Amino acid sequence: MTAALRDTHRGWLMLAYSVAAYLTFLVAQVLVVLPFALLARPRGAGVRVPGAVLVSGLVASAVLAGAVIAAGAVHVGRGSLRERLRGELSVRWRLRDVGLGLALGVAGLALTLPVSVLWAFSVGASHANSAVGEVFGGQRLHLGWAFTLFVAVLLISPVYEEMLFRGVLWRAMEYWRWNRWVILGLTTALFSLAHLELLRTPLLLVVTLPIALARLLTGNLLASIVAHQANNFLPAIALLLGTLHG
């Protein structure tokens, strides 16, 4: 088998693992939440699942999906375990890359604020919330669970999402030797669509661009993870304060 054919094959494997990870994320959430949703007593127009269960589902699904991604990197990569993870996910510690990721994340956050206001004005206040905001709207959590939600939104979810879209999926397209700007555009579009929030897709496209640029300019997934975490800081704070039981 020629090198080009081997790379094409590895690209398809990485794509398969990215799909498997995404499905794992969705299925794990359903499996955690569904039993409680079925047993919960109806309240008003629907049922209210305990907030602790929702937080558990969010964390468990991200961790399990991340494990699938790591397994894919180990399977496709070559060398030692560390070399496979670093090579296939493009993760390496470089302070300069982390600094650039942080700068782009903060810049993206500054850009997001006015864009979000314009978007909310265009769609109406009743439609301006995110899916996570809708799920946890009206929930009241004790300090431990509220802080866990904060950590999940600020730290855990960005790691999983970056591993998926700008990790294995980005790597699949690199194996197919696609132009890096095409890769940036496609992964950004797929990231926005994968949230399954059609109304928020244009906003997510804008929010994601600085994060994707961090990955493109550094070639380092760690930079986009830091950028994503910086961008999630205010939403994480809002969820912490909004769900914290008084």
Protein backbone atom coordinates (compact mmCIF):
# COMPACT_ATOMS: atom_id res chain seq x y z
CA MET A 1 0.00 0.00 0.00
CA THR A 2 1.38 3.41 -0.96
CA ALA A 3 1.80 6.22 1.55
CA ALA A 4 -1.08 8.16 -0.04
CA LEU A 5 -3.43 5.18 0.27
CA ARG A 6 -2.37 4.59 3.87
CA ASP A 7 -3.07 8.22 4.73
CA THR A 8 -6.47 8.06 3.01
CA HIS A 9 -7.31 4.95 5.03
CA ARG A 10 -6.19 6.62 8.27
CA GLY A 11 -8.32 9.63 7.41
CA TRP A 12 -11.43 7.47 7.08
CA LEU A 13 -10.62 5.80 10.39
CA MET A 14 -10.33 9.16 12.10
CA LEU A 15 -13.64 10.24 10.58
CA ALA A 16 -15.25 7.03 11.85
CA TYR A 17 -13.95 7.69 15.36
CA SER A 18 -15.21 11.29 15.25
CA VAL A 19 -18.71 10.08 14.33
CA ALA A 20 -18.54 7.38 17.02
CA ALA A 21 -17.49 9.97 19.62
CA TYR A 22 -20.32 12.33 18.67
CA LEU A 23 -22.88 9.53 18.86
CA THR A 24 -21.42 8.43 22.20
CA PHE A 25 -21.90 11.95 23.51
CA LEU A 26 -25.56 12.02 22.47
CA VAL A 27 -26.42 8.47 23.57
CA ALA A 28 -24.69 8.83 26.95
CA GLN A 29 -26.75 11.91 27.76
CA VAL A 30 -29.97 10.10 26.86
CA LEU A 31 -29.06 7.02 28.91
CA VAL A 32 -28.24 9.10 31.99
CA VAL A 33 -31.26 11.40 31.80
CA LEU A 34 -34.00 9.19 30.32
CA PRO A 35 -34.70 6.96 33.38
CA PHE A 36 -35.19 10.04 35.57
CA ALA A 37 -37.31 11.74 32.90
CA LEU A 38 -39.59 8.71 32.74
CA LEU A 39 -39.93 8.55 36.53
CA ALA A 40 -40.26 12.28 37.12
CA ARG A 41 -43.66 13.67 37.96
CA PRO A 42 -45.13 16.01 35.35
CA ARG A 43 -44.94 19.69 36.23
CA GLY A 44 -46.89 22.10 34.14
CA ALA A 45 -46.29 21.43 30.44
CA GLY A 46 -43.55 18.85 30.96
CA VAL A 47 -41.30 17.06 33.43
CA ARG A 48 -38.42 18.43 35.45
CA VAL A 49 -35.36 16.20 35.68
CA PRO A 50 -33.21 16.85 38.79
CA GLY A 51 -30.40 19.28 38.05
CA ALA A 52 -27.78 16.93 39.50
CA VAL A 53 -28.79 14.32 36.90
CA LEU A 54 -28.46 16.85 34.08
CA VAL A 55 -25.00 17.86 35.27
CA SER A 56 -23.98 14.21 35.57
CA GLY A 57 -25.19 13.54 32.04
CA LEU A 58 -23.22 16.50 30.67
CA VAL A 59 -19.99 15.43 32.37
CA ALA A 60 -20.32 11.70 31.71
CA SER A 61 -21.12 12.15 28.02
CA ALA A 62 -18.14 14.46 27.45
CA VAL A 63 -15.74 12.14 29.29
CA LEU A 64 -16.95 9.02 27.47
CA ALA A 65 -16.81 10.73 24.08
CA GLY A 66 -13.31 11.97 24.88
CA ALA A 67 -12.29 8.40 25.68
CA VAL A 68 -13.54 7.27 22.26
CA ILE A 69 -11.46 10.01 20.61
CA ALA A 70 -8.37 9.02 22.58
CA ALA A 71 -8.91 5.39 21.57
CA GLY A 72 -9.08 6.46 17.94
CA ALA A 73 -5.81 8.38 18.22
CA VAL A 74 -4.11 5.37 19.79
CA HIS A 75 -5.50 3.04 17.13
CA VAL A 76 -4.52 5.14 14.13
CA GLY A 77 -1.27 6.60 15.44
CA ARG A 78 2.20 5.16 15.47
CA GLY A 79 4.89 4.96 18.11
CA SER A 80 4.46 4.98 21.87
CA LEU A 81 1.15 5.77 23.55
CA ARG A 82 2.28 9.34 24.20
CA GLU A 83 3.51 9.78 20.62
CA ARG A 84 0.21 8.50 19.22
CA LEU A 85 -1.89 10.87 21.31
CA ARG A 86 0.36 13.84 20.63
CA GLY A 87 0.69 13.07 16.93
CA GLU A 88 -2.93 12.34 16.07
CA LEU A 89 -4.46 15.05 18.25
CA SER A 90 -1.67 17.59 17.64
CA VAL A 91 -1.27 18.31 21.34
CA ARG A 92 1.98 19.74 22.64
CA TRP A 93 2.93 22.08 25.45
CA ARG A 94 4.24 25.37 24.12
CA LEU A 95 3.73 28.48 26.23
CA ARG A 96 3.66 30.70 23.16
CA ASP A 97 0.80 28.67 21.65
CA VAL A 98 -1.14 28.75 24.91
CA GLY A 99 -0.67 32.52 25.09
CA LEU A 100 -1.91 32.99 21.54
CA GLY A 101 -4.88 30.73 22.25
CA LEU A 102 -5.74 32.75 25.35
CA ALA A 103 -5.42 36.03 23.44
CA LEU A 104 -7.68 34.79 20.64
CA GLY A 105 -10.15 33.41 23.16
CA VAL A 106 -10.38 36.74 24.98
CA ALA A 107 -10.67 38.57 21.65
CA GLY A 108 -13.38 36.14 20.61
CA LEU A 109 -15.20 36.75 23.86
CA ALA A 110 -15.06 40.50 23.26
CA LEU A 111 -16.40 39.93 19.75
CA THR A 112 -19.11 37.57 20.98
CA LEU A 113 -20.71 40.08 23.34
CA PRO A 114 -21.89 42.66 20.77
CA VAL A 115 -22.64 39.98 18.18
CA SER A 116 -24.76 38.11 20.74
CA VAL A 117 -26.69 41.28 21.54
CA LEU A 118 -27.41 41.86 17.85
CA TRP A 119 -28.38 38.23 17.35
CA ALA A 120 -30.68 38.25 20.39
CA PHE A 121 -32.31 41.43 19.09
CA SER A 122 -32.87 39.84 15.69
CA VAL A 123 -34.39 36.56 16.96
CA GLY A 124 -36.17 37.93 20.02
CA ALA A 125 -35.39 37.51 23.70
CA SER A 126 -37.54 34.39 24.01
CA HIS A 127 -35.35 32.57 21.47
CA ALA A 128 -31.99 33.96 22.51
CA ASN A 129 -30.98 31.30 25.04
CA SER A 130 -28.57 28.44 24.31
CA ALA A 131 -29.60 24.79 24.62
CA VAL A 132 -27.64 24.46 27.87
CA GLY A 133 -29.26 27.63 29.16
CA GLU A 134 -32.69 26.25 28.30
CA VAL A 135 -31.99 22.90 29.98
CA PHE A 136 -30.79 24.49 33.20
CA GLY A 137 -33.25 27.37 33.16
CA GLY A 138 -35.13 27.42 36.46
CA GLN A 139 -32.88 24.77 38.00
CA ARG A 140 -31.54 25.38 41.49
CA LEU A 141 -28.40 23.46 42.43
CA HIS A 142 -26.48 23.11 45.64
CA LEU A 143 -22.96 24.57 45.62
CA GLY A 144 -21.21 21.31 44.71
CA TRP A 145 -23.40 20.62 41.67
CA ALA A 146 -23.42 24.27 40.58
CA PHE A 147 -19.63 24.33 40.71
CA THR A 148 -19.47 21.02 38.81
CA LEU A 149 -21.65 22.57 36.10
CA PHE A 150 -19.32 25.57 36.02
CA VAL A 151 -16.27 23.31 35.58
CA ALA A 152 -18.06 21.24 32.94
CA VAL A 153 -18.94 24.26 30.80
CA LEU A 154 -15.64 26.08 31.35
CA LEU A 155 -13.14 23.20 31.17
CA ILE A 156 -14.55 19.78 30.31
CA SER A 157 -16.87 20.50 27.38
CA PRO A 158 -14.30 22.61 25.50
CA VAL A 159 -11.73 19.81 25.79
CA TYR A 160 -14.16 17.25 24.35
CA GLU A 161 -15.41 19.55 21.58
CA GLU A 162 -11.89 20.55 20.54
CA MET A 163 -10.70 16.94 20.57
CA LEU A 164 -13.61 16.09 18.29
CA PHE A 165 -13.73 18.94 15.78
CA ARG A 166 -10.20 20.32 15.74
CA GLY A 167 -8.61 17.07 16.88
CA VAL A 168 -9.66 13.85 15.14
CA LEU A 169 -11.87 15.48 12.49
CA TRP A 170 -9.21 18.05 11.62
CA ARG A 171 -6.63 15.24 11.50
CA ALA A 172 -8.82 13.18 9.16
CA MET A 173 -8.85 16.03 6.66
CA GLU A 174 -5.10 16.49 7.05
CA TYR A 175 -4.64 12.85 6.12
CA TRP A 176 -6.68 13.53 2.99
CA ARG A 177 -4.28 16.43 2.30
CA TRP A 178 -6.96 19.10 2.14
CA ASN A 179 -6.10 22.79 2.23
CA ARG A 180 -5.87 23.99 5.84
CA TRP A 181 -8.27 26.89 5.23
CA VAL A 182 -10.81 24.44 3.84
CA ILE A 183 -10.32 22.34 6.96
CA LEU A 184 -10.88 25.41 9.14
CA GLY A 185 -14.07 26.29 7.28
CA LEU A 186 -15.53 22.78 7.33
CA THR A 187 -14.74 22.05 10.97
CA THR A 188 -16.17 25.43 11.96
CA ALA A 189 -19.38 24.76 10.05
CA LEU A 190 -19.69 21.23 11.46
CA PHE A 191 -19.05 22.49 14.99
CA SER A 192 -21.85 25.02 14.62
CA LEU A 193 -24.31 22.53 13.13
CA ALA A 194 -23.46 19.76 15.63
CA HIS A 195 -24.95 21.80 18.47
CA LEU A 196 -28.35 21.08 16.88
CA GLU A 197 -29.46 24.66 17.47
CA LEU A 198 -30.45 25.85 14.01
CA LEU A 199 -31.37 29.34 15.17
CA ARG A 200 -27.99 29.84 16.88
CA THR A 201 -25.90 28.44 14.00
CA PRO A 202 -24.95 31.88 12.54
CA LEU A 203 -23.91 33.07 16.01
CA LEU A 204 -21.89 29.91 16.63
CA LEU A 205 -20.06 30.40 13.32
CA VAL A 206 -18.86 33.81 14.50
CA VAL A 207 -18.01 32.58 18.00
CA THR A 208 -15.99 29.64 16.68
CA LEU A 209 -13.76 31.50 14.22
CA PRO A 210 -11.18 32.79 16.77
CA ILE A 211 -11.01 29.30 18.28
CA ALA A 212 -10.40 27.72 14.89
CA LEU A 213 -7.78 30.35 14.10
CA ALA A 214 -5.90 29.38 17.25
CA ARG A 215 -5.69 25.81 15.94
CA LEU A 216 -4.71 26.92 12.44
CA LEU A 217 -2.04 29.44 13.41
CA THR A 218 -0.31 27.23 15.98
CA GLY A 219 -0.95 23.72 14.68
CA ASN A 220 -1.59 22.93 18.33
CA LEU A 221 -4.89 21.64 19.72
CA LEU A 222 -3.97 22.99 23.14
CA ALA A 223 -4.19 26.54 21.78
CA SER A 224 -7.76 26.06 20.55
CA ILE A 225 -8.73 24.36 23.83
CA VAL A 226 -7.50 27.39 25.79
CA ALA A 227 -9.25 29.76 23.36
CA HIS A 228 -12.49 27.79 23.72
CA GLN A 229 -12.25 27.77 27.51
CA ALA A 230 -11.67 31.53 27.56
CA ASN A 231 -14.70 32.00 25.32
CA ASN A 232 -16.84 29.88 27.65
CA PHE A 233 -15.91 31.84 30.76
CA LEU A 234 -18.87 34.22 30.86
CA PRO A 235 -21.49 31.55 29.98
CA ALA A 236 -20.03 29.34 32.72
CA ILE A 237 -20.24 32.18 35.23
CA ALA A 238 -23.81 32.93 34.17
CA LEU A 239 -24.83 29.29 34.68
CA LEU A 240 -23.09 29.15 38.06
CA LEU A 241 -24.87 32.25 39.34
CA GLY A 242 -28.16 31.36 37.68
CA THR A 243 -28.41 27.85 39.12
CA LEU A 244 -26.83 28.36 42.53
CA HIS A 245 -29.30 27.58 45.29
CA GLY A 246 -29.66 30.56 47.57
